[in-house]
Every structure is written in C-alpha cells, then in structure tokens.
Amino acid sequence: MEFGQKEAVRFLHCYYRIYSVGLCLLFYICYMQSLLLLHGAIGSMEQLFPLKEALSKQFEVYVFNFPGHGSNVSFEPFSIEAFAKATSDFIEKNQLYNPLVFGYSMGGYVAVYLEATCPGTFRSIVTLGTKYEWNEEVAKKETKMLQPDLIEQKVPAFAQQLASRHGVMEWKNVLHKTAAMLLDLGKHPLLPIASLQNITCPILILLGEKDNMVSIEETQNTATALINGYHELLPNSMHPIEQVDVRSLAEKINVFFLNH
C-alpha cells in the first residue's frame, strides 16, 4: 500500500502532538513542587492522608511522623527543637530543595520555628490552627486536656483512637511527654515577636472559623508581626483535623502556594 503525501503529513502531525504532550507531562512530573505536611500534637501522619490525596494532583506531597508519634518510636523527650530537627533531617534525606510546607496545629509551630532558625528552608508556609502565643498560664490550661486517666474515663472512644494511633503501650506516654513539652514551651516560648519579624518567606495563617482553642486575635497578631504574613478564616471548620473542611483547606493551600 502506498504511503502518500497526505498520510505522511497526517502521521507527522499526530507524532508531533504525542511528542508535545509527552514533553509537557515529563516537565510537569519533573518540576512538580514538593509539599511537606506536618501533623499536630498527639497526632500522626495518617490524619493528613485525606489532605495529601486532595493536593496530590498539584504537588509532590510528603508526610512523616514526628519522633514518638505513630509508628516512629522514640524514647527521647518531646520538644519543638527535636521535631524541627527531625523535619530538617527528613528534608535532607529526601532531597527536597526549598519545599513548601503545611503545618497543622503544632506542626505549624514546628515549621515556622524551623524557618526562623534556618532561613530559606521553605519557599512558603501555610499553618492551620496553630497557637503562637504561649505563656505558663496558657500551657497549664492546654495540658489539663492531656490527662490519660481522665480521657479514659470521660472520652473512652478518644482513648481508643490514641491507642490505635500510637500503640496500646505508648499512647499514655505520648500524652505525658506532650504535656511536659507544652509546659516548657509556656516557660520558654520559641517564637517571640522579634523572631517572627526576621522571617521573610510568605506565610498564610489559617484558623477554622469554629476553632475554640486558638483565638482570632493571636492569629491576626502573628500575621501582622510577619514581614510577609497573611491570615484567613477557614469556613465550616473546628480545631480537630478530622473536623476540618478538607476541600476548602486544599483550595486555600493550592491558591496560596501557586501565588507565593
């Protein structure tokens, strides 16, 4: 069968289209921006899986457990500094150059602290439900909710969740070590205004509109102290990550990171 001029042109046209699409796909895969998700206190990376899935088409998403959380066993005391080092080690191990980061609650504090102490670690930061203003009174109030025996008595279903998340033999220890960390943070806050004012990367501070653990005032104060800070309310969301509107959160994260 003869291969005429029209067939040759049609073949070259199809080849060019396939080749172009292939190149675009390869470029998209190779240059997809890395995004690291950090979980909150007494939490684990599994809680962030729905958000990871919602963002996986736009970013190359990474998650991990802080030391002593989930399956990441650790016998060391908890501290923001130790969690920041673990984050830095994860970034280095996975060769994530200047990644984006989302931190939920304590995870947001860790991210901002790491950027304050190691400038240039992150390209941009988004936090949700993060408490930035700490003192001894605040720490004592927060640690009252971290009593294992009381949780077993008053909220047995939550106790079972924690046991499933961290292990039957470890979940109480996780709460005790978290309480000790927060009491120390109350005595020695790690993000005073002076530290926040030295951070230059863009930071979006989100707060669930129904969050009863973090105030709008402290969220606004923190955003104002930052050189490149922004704050927004997240509709239909409370403090627990399971009660956050994941679709709205993913949309806000996506828009902010694509523009900053």
Foldseek 3Di string as FASTA:
>chain_A
DDCDPVNVVVVVVVVVVVVVVVVVVVCCVVPFAEEEEAEAALAFQVLCVVLCVLQVVRHPYDYGGFQLWFPRDDPDFDALVSSLVVVVVVCVVVVRQQGEYEYEASGQVSVLLNCLVVPSNHQEYEYENYAQDAAQVLLVVVLVVLQLVVCCVPPVVVNVVSCNGRNVVRSNVSSVSVSVRSNVCNHPPRCDLVSQQPHAHAYEYEYEPAEPSHDPVSSVVSQVSHPRGHYDYQYQAYRPSVRGPSNSVSVVVSVVVVVD
